[in-house]
């Protein structure tokens, strides 16, 4: 039994869970949850690329690179919006 192959085959399941969780977070009304969602999406992009390299899915890898670029854009836009928001006095 090849442990590394089994581990890499299993990688698709955490990648799928991370993708679904990220989509749920990005759809939230909470700014902090949306911001976290982009980071979870980036994690899922990495997991999908690892799995795609293992199975030779070049189109999947290209898709994940493109989606990662969009998620990085989302991180920057979210952080910029949070910084521009006036802070409430406490």
PDB file of N, CA and C in Angstrom:
ATOM      1  N   UNK A   1       0.850  -1.179   0.000  1.00  0.00           N
ATOM      2  CA  UNK A   1       0.000   0.000   0.000  1.00  0.00           C
ATOM      3  C   UNK A   1       0.894   1.241   0.000  1.00  0.00           C
ATOM      4  N   UNK A   2       0.609   2.172  -0.888  1.00  0.00           N
ATOM      5  CA  UNK A   2       1.374   3.413  -0.994  1.00  0.00           C
ATOM      6  C   UNK A   2       0.663   4.502  -0.198  1.00  0.00           C
ATOM      7  N   UNK A   3       1.215   4.793   0.991  1.00  0.00           N
ATOM      8  CA  UNK A   3       0.585   5.769   1.888  1.00  0.00           C
ATOM      9  C   UNK A   3       0.475   7.144   1.246  1.00  0.00           C
ATOM     10  N   UNK A   4       1.514   7.587   0.523  1.00  0.00           N
ATOM     11  CA  UNK A   4       1.470   8.928  -0.070  1.00  0.00           C
ATOM     12  C   UNK A   4       0.365   9.041  -1.114  1.00  0.00           C
ATOM     13  N   UNK A   5       0.168   7.997  -1.901  1.00  0.00           N
ATOM     14  CA  UNK A   5      -0.905   8.018  -2.898  1.00  0.00           C
ATOM     15  C   UNK A   5      -2.267   8.031  -2.219  1.00  0.00           C
ATOM     16  N   UNK A   6      -2.421   7.254  -1.143  1.00  0.00           N
ATOM     17  CA  UNK A   6      -3.689   7.242  -0.421  1.00  0.00           C
ATOM     18  C   UNK A   6      -3.980   8.616   0.178  1.00  0.00           C
ATOM     19  N   UNK A   7      -2.931   9.214   0.762  1.00  0.00           N
ATOM     20  CA  UNK A   7      -3.085  10.531   1.371  1.00  0.00           C
ATOM     21  C   UNK A   7      -3.470  11.564   0.319  1.00  0.00           C
ATOM     22  N   UNK A   8      -2.823  11.520  -0.837  1.00  0.00           N
ATOM     23  CA  UNK A   8      -3.137  12.480  -1.893  1.00  0.00           C
ATOM     24  C   UNK A   8      -4.513  12.232  -2.500  1.00  0.00           C
ATOM     25  N   UNK A   9      -4.922  10.972  -2.593  1.00  0.00           N
ATOM     26  CA  UNK A   9      -6.276  10.680  -3.073  1.00  0.00           C
ATOM     27  C   UNK A   9      -7.318  11.231  -2.109  1.00  0.00           C
ATOM     28  N   UNK A  10      -7.021  11.155  -0.811  1.00  0.00           N
ATOM     29  CA  UNK A  10      -7.942  11.659   0.209  1.00  0.00           C
ATOM     30  C   UNK A  10      -8.052  13.189   0.172  1.00  0.00           C
ATOM     31  N   UNK A  11      -7.034  13.864  -0.361  1.00  0.00           N
ATOM     32  CA  UNK A  11      -6.955  15.333  -0.372  1.00  0.00           C
ATOM     33  C   UNK A  11      -8.187  15.983  -0.996  1.00  0.00           C
ATOM     34  N   UNK A  12      -8.849  15.312  -1.912  1.00  0.00           N
ATOM     35  CA  UNK A  12     -10.002  15.921  -2.565  1.00  0.00           C
ATOM     36  C   UNK A  12     -11.148  16.182  -1.583  1.00  0.00           C
ATOM     37  N   UNK A  13     -11.251  15.395  -0.515  1.00  0.00           N
ATOM     38  CA  UNK A  13     -12.360  15.564   0.429  1.00  0.00           C
ATOM     39  C   UNK A  13     -12.194  16.803   1.300  1.00  0.00           C
ATOM     40  N   UNK A  14     -11.031  17.024   1.928  1.00  0.00           N
ATOM     41  CA  UNK A  14     -10.870  18.295   2.653  1.00  0.00           C
ATOM     42  C   UNK A  14     -10.956  19.502   1.715  1.00  0.00           C
ATOM     43  N   UNK A  15     -10.492  19.350   0.480  1.00  0.00           N
ATOM     44  CA  UNK A  15     -10.579  20.446  -0.493  1.00  0.00           C
ATOM     45  C   UNK A  15     -12.040  20.784  -0.770  1.00  0.00           C
ATOM     46  N   UNK A  16     -12.865  19.763  -0.926  1.00  0.00           N
ATOM     47  CA  UNK A  16     -14.287  19.975  -1.184  1.00  0.00           C
ATOM     48  C   UNK A  16     -14.965  20.623   0.013  1.00  0.00           C
ATOM     49  N   UNK A  17     -14.663  20.141   1.223  1.00  0.00           N
ATOM     50  CA  UNK A  17     -15.259  20.716   2.435  1.00  0.00           C
ATOM     51  C   UNK A  17     -14.831  22.177   2.588  1.00  0.00           C
ATOM     52  N   UNK A  18     -13.559  22.467   2.358  1.00  0.00           N
ATOM     53  CA  UNK A  18     -13.068  23.846   2.460  1.00  0.00           C
ATOM     54  C   UNK A  18     -13.758  24.748   1.440  1.00  0.00           C
ATOM     55  N   UNK A  19     -13.975  24.249   0.241  1.00  0.00           N
ATOM     56  CA  UNK A  19     -14.636  25.052  -0.799  1.00  0.00           C
ATOM     57  C   UNK A  19     -16.063  25.388  -0.403  1.00  0.00           C
ATOM     58  N   UNK A  20     -16.789  24.403   0.103  1.00  0.00           N
ATOM     59  CA  UNK A  20     -18.184  24.632   0.515  1.00  0.00           C
ATOM     60  C   UNK A  20     -18.236  25.584   1.710  1.00  0.00           C
ATOM     61  N   UNK A  21     -17.363  25.368   2.687  1.00  0.00           N
ATOM     62  CA  UNK A  21     -17.314  26.253   3.855  1.00  0.00           C
ATOM     63  C   UNK A  21     -16.984  27.683   3.434  1.00  0.00           C
ATOM     64  N   UNK A  22     -16.020  27.833   2.542  1.00  0.00           N
ATOM     65  CA  UNK A  22     -15.626  29.168   2.075  1.00  0.00           C
ATOM     66  C   UNK A  22     -16.785  29.868   1.374  1.00  0.00           C
ATOM     67  N   UNK A  23     -17.513  29.137   0.537  1.00  0.00           N
ATOM     68  CA  UNK A  23     -18.658  29.733  -0.159  1.00  0.00           C
ATOM     69  C   UNK A  23     -19.710  30.200   0.843  1.00  0.00           C
ATOM     70  N   UNK A  24     -19.933  29.409   1.878  1.00  0.00           N
ATOM     71  CA  UNK A  24     -20.887  29.783   2.924  1.00  0.00           C
ATOM     72  C   UNK A  24     -20.419  31.054   3.646  1.00  0.00           C
ATOM     73  N   UNK A  25     -19.132  31.106   3.987  1.00  0.00           N
ATOM     74  CA  UNK A  25     -18.599  32.265   4.694  1.00  0.00           C
ATOM     75  C   UNK A  25     -18.649  33.531   3.844  1.00  0.00           C
ATOM     76  N   UNK A  26     -18.291  33.426   2.569  1.00  0.00           N
ATOM     77  CA  UNK A  26     -18.277  34.591   1.688  1.00  0.00           C
ATOM     78  C   UNK A  26     -19.696  35.129   1.487  1.00  0.00           C
ATOM     79  N   UNK A  27     -20.693  34.276   1.606  1.00  0.00           N
ATOM     80  CA  UNK A  27     -22.078  34.707   1.470  1.00  0.00           C
ATOM     81  C   UNK A  27     -22.675  35.297   2.739  1.00  0.00           C
ATOM     82  N   UNK A  28     -21.886  35.428   3.779  1.00  0.00           N
ATOM     83  CA  UNK A  28     -22.364  35.922   5.071  1.00  0.00           C
ATOM     84  C   UNK A  28     -22.582  37.430   5.058  1.00  0.00           C
ATOM     85  N   UNK A  29     -23.454  37.902   5.924  1.00  0.00           N
ATOM     86  CA  UNK A  29     -23.644  39.342   6.121  1.00  0.00           C
ATOM     87  C   UNK A  29     -22.510  39.946   6.949  1.00  0.00           C
ATOM     88  N   UNK A  30     -21.803  39.116   7.686  1.00  0.00           N
ATOM     89  CA  UNK A  30     -20.717  39.577   8.549  1.00  0.00           C
ATOM     90  C   UNK A  30     -19.441  39.823   7.736  1.00  0.00           C
ATOM     91  N   UNK A  31     -18.869  41.011   7.897  1.00  0.00           N
ATOM     92  CA  UNK A  31     -17.640  41.336   7.169  1.00  0.00           C
ATOM     93  C   UNK A  31     -16.497  40.408   7.561  1.00  0.00           C
ATOM     94  N   UNK A  32     -16.405  40.081   8.839  1.00  0.00           N
ATOM     95  CA  UNK A  32     -15.308  39.218   9.289  1.00  0.00           C
ATOM     96  C   UNK A  32     -15.455  37.801   8.739  1.00  0.00           C
ATOM     97  N   UNK A  33     -16.682  37.316   8.630  1.00  0.00           N
ATOM     98  CA  UNK A  33     -16.892  35.985   8.037  1.00  0.00           C
ATOM     99  C   UNK A  33     -16.567  35.992   6.551  1.00  0.00           C
ATOM    100  N   UNK A  34     -16.951  37.075   5.862  1.00  0.00           N
ATOM    101  CA  UNK A  34     -16.607  37.172   4.435  1.00  0.00           C
ATOM    102  C   UNK A  34     -15.097  37.188   4.252  1.00  0.00           C
ATOM    103  N   UNK A  35     -14.407  37.954   5.085  1.00  0.00           N
ATOM    104  CA  UNK A  35     -12.944  38.011   4.993  1.00  0.00           C
ATOM    105  C   UNK A  35     -12.346  36.632   5.246  1.00  0.00           C
ATOM    106  N   UNK A  36     -12.843  35.933   6.259  1.00  0.00           N
ATOM    107  CA  UNK A  36     -12.354  34.581   6.552  1.00  0.00           C
ATOM    108  C   UNK A  36     -12.635  33.645   5.380  1.00  0.00           C
ATOM    109  N   UNK A  37     -13.760  33.851   4.716  1.00  0.00           N
ATOM    110  CA  UNK A  37     -14.125  33.015   3.579  1.00  0.00           C
ATOM    111  C   UNK A  37     -13.109  33.062   2.460  1.00  0.00           C
ATOM    112  N   UNK A  38     -12.561  34.247   2.192  1.00  0.00           N
ATOM    113  CA  UNK A  38     -11.547  34.343   1.143  1.00  0.00           C
ATOM    114  C   UNK A  38     -10.291  33.562   1.526  1.00  0.00           C
ATOM    115  N   UNK A  39      -9.921  33.599   2.816  1.00  0.00           N
ATOM    116  CA  UNK A  39      -8.745  32.837   3.266  1.00  0.00           C
ATOM    117  C   UNK A  39      -9.010  31.342   3.195  1.00  0.00           C
ATOM    118  N   UNK A  40     -10.228  30.928   3.522  1.00  0.00           N
ATOM    119  CA  UNK A  40     -10.568  29.497   3.405  1.00  0.00           C
ATOM    120  C   UNK A  40     -10.573  29.089   1.938  1.00  0.00           C
ATOM    121  N   UNK A  41     -11.079  29.964   1.067  1.00  0.00           N
ATOM    122  CA  UNK A  41     -11.018  29.679  -0.376  1.00  0.00           C
ATOM    123  C   UNK A  41      -9.569  29.494  -0.827  1.00  0.00           C
ATOM    124  N   UNK A  42      -8.664  30.356  -0.347  1.00  0.00           N
ATOM    125  CA  UNK A  42      -7.257  30.204  -0.728  1.00  0.00           C
ATOM    126  C   UNK A  42      -6.698  28.872  -0.244  1.00  0.00           C
ATOM    127  N   UNK A  43      -7.101  28.450   0.929  1.00  0.00           N
ATOM    128  CA  UNK A  43      -6.683  27.136   1.431  1.00  0.00           C
ATOM    129  C   UNK A  43      -7.210  26.038   0.521  1.00  0.00           C
ATOM    130  N   UNK A  44      -8.471  26.156   0.115  1.00  0.00           N
ATOM    131  CA  UNK A  44      -9.039  25.141  -0.780  1.00  0.00           C
ATOM    132  C   UNK A  44      -8.325  25.152  -2.131  1.00  0.00           C
ATOM    133  N   UNK A  45      -7.924  26.335  -2.617  1.00  0.00           N
ATOM    134  CA  UNK A  45      -7.177  26.402  -3.877  1.00  0.00           C
ATOM    135  C   UNK A  45      -5.885  25.597  -3.787  1.00  0.00           C
ATOM    136  N   UNK A  46      -5.176  25.744  -2.674  1.00  0.00           N
ATOM    137  CA  UNK A  46      -3.928  25.001  -2.481  1.00  0.00           C
ATOM    138  C   UNK A  46      -4.205  23.493  -2.444  1.00  0.00           C
ATOM    139  N   UNK A  47      -5.232  23.096  -1.708  1.00  0.00           N
ATOM    140  CA  UNK A  47      -5.562  21.669  -1.614  1.00  0.00           C
ATOM    141  C   UNK A  47      -5.930  21.090  -2.981  1.00  0.00           C
ATOM    142  N   UNK A  48      -6.726  21.842  -3.751  1.00  0.00           N
ATOM    143  CA  UNK A  48      -7.107  21.361  -5.077  1.00  0.00           C
ATOM    144  C   UNK A  48      -5.904  21.262  -6.014  1.00  0.00           C
ATOM    145  N   UNK A  49      -4.987  22.208  -5.915  1.00  0.00           N
ATOM    146  CA  UNK A  49      -3.785  22.147  -6.760  1.00  0.00           C
ATOM    147  C   UNK A  49      -2.964  20.912  -6.398  1.00  0.00           C
ATOM    148  N   UNK A  50      -2.798  20.647  -5.102  1.00  0.00           N
ATOM    149  CA  UNK A  50      -2.053  19.449  -4.686  1.00  0.00           C
ATOM    150  C   UNK A  50      -2.700  18.183  -5.243  1.00  0.00           C
ATOM    151  N   UNK A  51      -4.009  18.101  -5.122  1.00  0.00           N
ATOM    152  CA  UNK A  51      -4.703  16.921  -5.638  1.00  0.00           C
ATOM    153  C   UNK A  51      -4.617  16.878  -7.159  1.00  0.00           C
ATOM    154  N   UNK A  52      -4.772  18.031  -7.818  1.00  0.00           N
ATOM    155  CA  UNK A  52      -4.691  18.086  -9.273  1.00  0.00           C
ATOM    156  C   UNK A  52      -3.330  17.669  -9.799  1.00  0.00           C
ATOM    157  N   UNK A  53      -2.262  18.045  -9.088  1.00  0.00           N
ATOM    158  CA  UNK A  53      -0.921  17.596  -9.489  1.00  0.00           C
ATOM    159  C   UNK A  53      -0.808  16.078  -9.377  1.00  0.00           C
ATOM    160  N   UNK A  54      -1.395  15.532  -8.319  1.00  0.00           N
ATOM    161  CA  UNK A  54      -1.335  14.082  -8.093  1.00  0.00           C
ATOM    162  C   UNK A  54      -2.027  13.305  -9.214  1.00  0.00           C
ATOM    163  N   UNK A  55      -3.174  13.808  -9.673  1.00  0.00           N
ATOM    164  CA  UNK A  55      -3.937  13.071 -10.695  1.00  0.00           C
ATOM    165  C   UNK A  55      -3.696  13.596 -12.111  1.00  0.00           C
ATOM    166  N   UNK A  56      -2.883  14.637 -12.239  1.00  0.00           N
ATOM    167  CA  UNK A  56      -2.579  15.171 -13.567  1.00  0.00           C
ATOM    168  C   UNK A  56      -3.711  15.973 -14.182  1.00  0.00           C
ATOM    169  N   UNK A  57      -4.500  16.640 -13.347  1.00  0.00           N
ATOM    170  CA  UNK A  57      -5.645  17.421 -13.826  1.00  0.00           C
ATOM    171  C   UNK A  57      -5.212  18.863 -14.087  1.00  0.00           C
ATOM    172  N   UNK A  58      -4.634  19.082 -15.250  1.00  0.00           N
ATOM    173  CA  UNK A  58      -4.074  20.391 -15.572  1.00  0.00           C
ATOM    174  C   UNK A  58      -5.143  21.485 -15.657  1.00  0.00           C
ATOM    175  N   UNK A  59      -6.315  21.177 -16.178  1.00  0.00           N
ATOM    176  CA  UNK A  59      -7.382  22.178 -16.258  1.00  0.00           C
ATOM    177  C   UNK A  59      -7.832  22.587 -14.853  1.00  0.00           C
ATOM    178  N   UNK A  60      -7.908  21.634 -13.939  1.00  0.00           N
ATOM    179  CA  UNK A  60      -8.273  21.938 -12.563  1.00  0.00           C
ATOM    180  C   UNK A  60      -7.221  22.844 -11.917  1.00  0.00           C
ATOM    181  N   UNK A  61      -5.962  22.561 -12.167  1.00  0.00           N
ATOM    182  CA  UNK A  61      -4.883  23.380 -11.615  1.00  0.00           C
ATOM    183  C   UNK A  61      -4.975  24.803 -12.175  1.00  0.00           C
ATOM    184  N   UNK A  62      -5.187  24.940 -13.474  1.00  0.00           N
ATOM    185  CA  UNK A  62      -5.322  26.267 -14.080  1.00  0.00           C
ATOM    186  C   UNK A  62      -6.518  27.015 -13.493  1.00  0.00           C
ATOM    187  N   UNK A  63      -7.623  26.314 -13.303  1.00  0.00           N
ATOM    188  CA  UNK A  63      -8.807  26.920 -12.694  1.00  0.00           C
ATOM    189  C   UNK A  63      -8.499  27.402 -11.285  1.00  0.00           C
ATOM    190  N   UNK A  64      -7.817  26.599 -10.506  1.00  0.00           N
ATOM    191  CA  UNK A  64      -7.512  26.975  -9.122  1.00  0.00           C
ATOM    192  C   UNK A  64      -6.563  28.159  -9.049  1.00  0.00           C
ATOM    193  N   UNK A  65      -5.626  28.250  -9.973  1.00  0.00           N
ATOM    194  CA  UNK A  65      -4.726  29.411 -10.021  1.00  0.00           C
ATOM    195  C   UNK A  65      -5.538  30.675 -10.327  1.00  0.00           C
ATOM    196  N   UNK A  66      -6.458  30.582 -11.288  1.00  0.00           N
ATOM    197  CA  UNK A  66      -7.302  31.730 -11.623  1.00  0.00           C
ATOM    198  C   UNK A  66      -8.200  32.105 -10.443  1.00  0.00           C
ATOM    199  N   UNK A  67      -8.795  31.111  -9.805  1.00  0.00           N
ATOM    200  CA  UNK A  67      -9.658  31.386  -8.653  1.00  0.00           C
ATOM    201  C   UNK A  67      -8.857  31.944  -7.485  1.00  0.00           C
ATOM    202  N   UNK A  68      -7.637  31.471  -7.299  1.00  0.00           N
ATOM    203  CA  UNK A  68      -6.782  32.006  -6.231  1.00  0.00           C
ATOM    204  C   UNK A  68      -6.512  33.494  -6.471  1.00  0.00           C
ATOM    205  N   UNK A  69      -6.288  33.871  -7.721  1.00  0.00           N
ATOM    206  CA  UNK A  69      -6.068  35.288  -8.033  1.00  0.00           C
ATOM    207  C   UNK A  69      -7.306  36.108  -7.658  1.00  0.00           C
ATOM    208  N   UNK A  70      -8.485  35.586  -7.961  1.00  0.00           N
ATOM    209  CA  UNK A  70      -9.722  36.285  -7.589  1.00  0.00           C
ATOM    210  C   UNK A  70      -9.892  36.337  -6.073  1.00  0.00           C
ATOM    211  N   UNK A  71      -9.511  35.266  -5.389  1.00  0.00           N
ATOM    212  CA  UNK A  71      -9.626  35.243  -3.927  1.00  0.00           C
ATOM    213  C   UNK A  71      -8.631  36.201  -3.277  1.00  0.00           C
ATOM    214  N   UNK A  72      -7.446  36.315  -3.850  1.00  0.00           N
ATOM    215  CA  UNK A  72      -6.471  37.296  -3.346  1.00  0.00           C
ATOM    216  C   UNK A  72      -7.036  38.697  -3.527  1.00  0.00           C
ATOM    217  N   UNK A  73      -7.652  38.938  -4.659  1.00  0.00           N
ATOM    218  CA  UNK A  73      -8.318  40.232  -4.896  1.00  0.00           C
ATOM    219  C   UNK A  73      -9.396  40.461  -3.842  1.00  0.00           C
ATOM    220  N   UNK A  74     -10.167  39.429  -3.530  1.00  0.00           N
ATOM    221  CA  UNK A  74     -11.208  39.536  -2.503  1.00  0.00           C
ATOM    222  C   UNK A  74     -10.637  39.855  -1.132  1.00  0.00           C
ATOM    223  N   UNK A  75      -9.503  39.251  -0.790  1.00  0.00           N
ATOM    224  CA  UNK A  75      -8.849  39.534   0.491  1.00  0.00           C
ATOM    225  C   UNK A  75      -8.479  41.014   0.546  1.00  0.00           C
ATOM    226  N   UNK A  76      -7.831  41.520  -0.508  1.00  0.00           N
ATOM    227  CA  UNK A  76      -7.401  42.921  -0.507  1.00  0.00           C
ATOM    228  C   UNK A  76      -8.586  43.884  -0.486  1.00  0.00           C
ATOM    229  N   UNK A  77      -9.619  43.590  -1.254  1.00  0.00           N
ATOM    230  CA  UNK A  77     -10.788  44.471  -1.269  1.00  0.00           C
ATOM    231  C   UNK A  77     -11.484  44.473   0.089  1.00  0.00           C
ATOM    232  N   UNK A  78     -11.571  43.324   0.725  1.00  0.00           N
ATOM    233  CA  UNK A  78     -12.218  43.237   2.037  1.00  0.00           C
ATOM    234  C   UNK A  78     -11.410  43.986   3.088  1.00  0.00           C
ATOM    235  N   UNK A  79     -10.095  43.785   3.079  1.00  0.00           N
ATOM    236  CA  UNK A  79      -9.247  44.477   4.051  1.00  0.00           C
ATOM    237  C   UNK A  79      -9.265  45.981   3.831  1.00  0.00           C
ATOM    238  N   UNK A  80      -9.267  46.411   2.574  1.00  0.00           N
ATOM    239  CA  UNK A  80      -9.317  47.837   2.260  1.00  0.00           C
ATOM    240  C   UNK A  80     -10.634  48.441   2.736  1.00  0.00           C
ATOM    241  N   UNK A  81     -11.725  47.730   2.515  1.00  0.00           N
ATOM    242  CA  UNK A  81     -13.038  48.218   2.951  1.00  0.00           C
ATOM    243  C   UNK A  81     -13.107  48.303   4.474  1.00  0.00           C
ATOM    244  N   UNK A  82     -12.529  47.330   5.164  1.00  0.00           N
ATOM    245  CA  UNK A  82     -12.551  47.350   6.624  1.00  0.00           C
ATOM    246  C   UNK A  82     -11.702  48.496   7.164  1.00  0.00           C
ATOM    247  N   UNK A  83     -10.582  48.797   6.511  1.00  0.00           N
ATOM    248  CA  UNK A  83      -9.713  49.880   6.961  1.00  0.00           C
ATOM    249  C   UNK A  83     -10.336  51.239   6.690  1.00  0.00           C
ATOM    250  N   UNK A  84     -11.107  51.364   5.621  1.00  0.00           N
ATOM    251  CA  UNK A  84     -11.721  52.636   5.248  1.00  0.00           C
ATOM    252  C   UNK A  84     -12.947  52.938   6.101  1.00  0.00           C
ATOM    253  N   UNK A  85     -13.500  51.937   6.740  1.00  0.00           N
ATOM    254  CA  UNK A  85     -14.692  52.114   7.554  1.00  0.00           C
ATOM    255  C   UNK A  85     -14.343  52.933   8.804  1.00  0.00           C
ATOM    256  N   UNK A  86     -15.135  53.955   9.102  1.00  0.00           N
ATOM    257  CA  UNK A  86     -14.860  54.739  10.307  1.00  0.00           C
ATOM    258  C   UNK A  86     -15.002  53.865  11.559  1.00  0.00           C
ATOM    259  N   UNK A  87     -14.067  54.024  12.467  1.00  0.00           N
ATOM    260  CA  UNK A  87     -14.088  53.264  13.714  1.00  0.00           C
ATOM    261  C   UNK A  87     -15.008  53.940  14.720  1.00  0.00           C
ATOM    262  N   UNK A  88     -15.824  53.130  15.386  1.00  0.00           N
ATOM    263  CA  UNK A  88     -16.727  53.665  16.412  1.00  0.00           C
ATOM    264  C   UNK A  88     -15.926  53.968  17.675  1.00  0.00           C
ATOM    265  N   UNK A  89     -16.260  55.067  18.319  1.00  0.00           N
ATOM    266  CA  UNK A  89     -15.609  55.407  19.589  1.00  0.00           C
ATOM    267  C   UNK A  89     -16.129  54.485  20.680  1.00  0.00           C
ATOM    268  N   UNK A  90     -15.223  54.003  21.498  1.00  0.00           N
ATOM    269  CA  UNK A  90     -15.662  53.133  22.601  1.00  0.00           C
ATOM    270  C   UNK A  90     -15.384  53.778  23.935  1.00  0.00           C
TER     271      UNK A  90
END
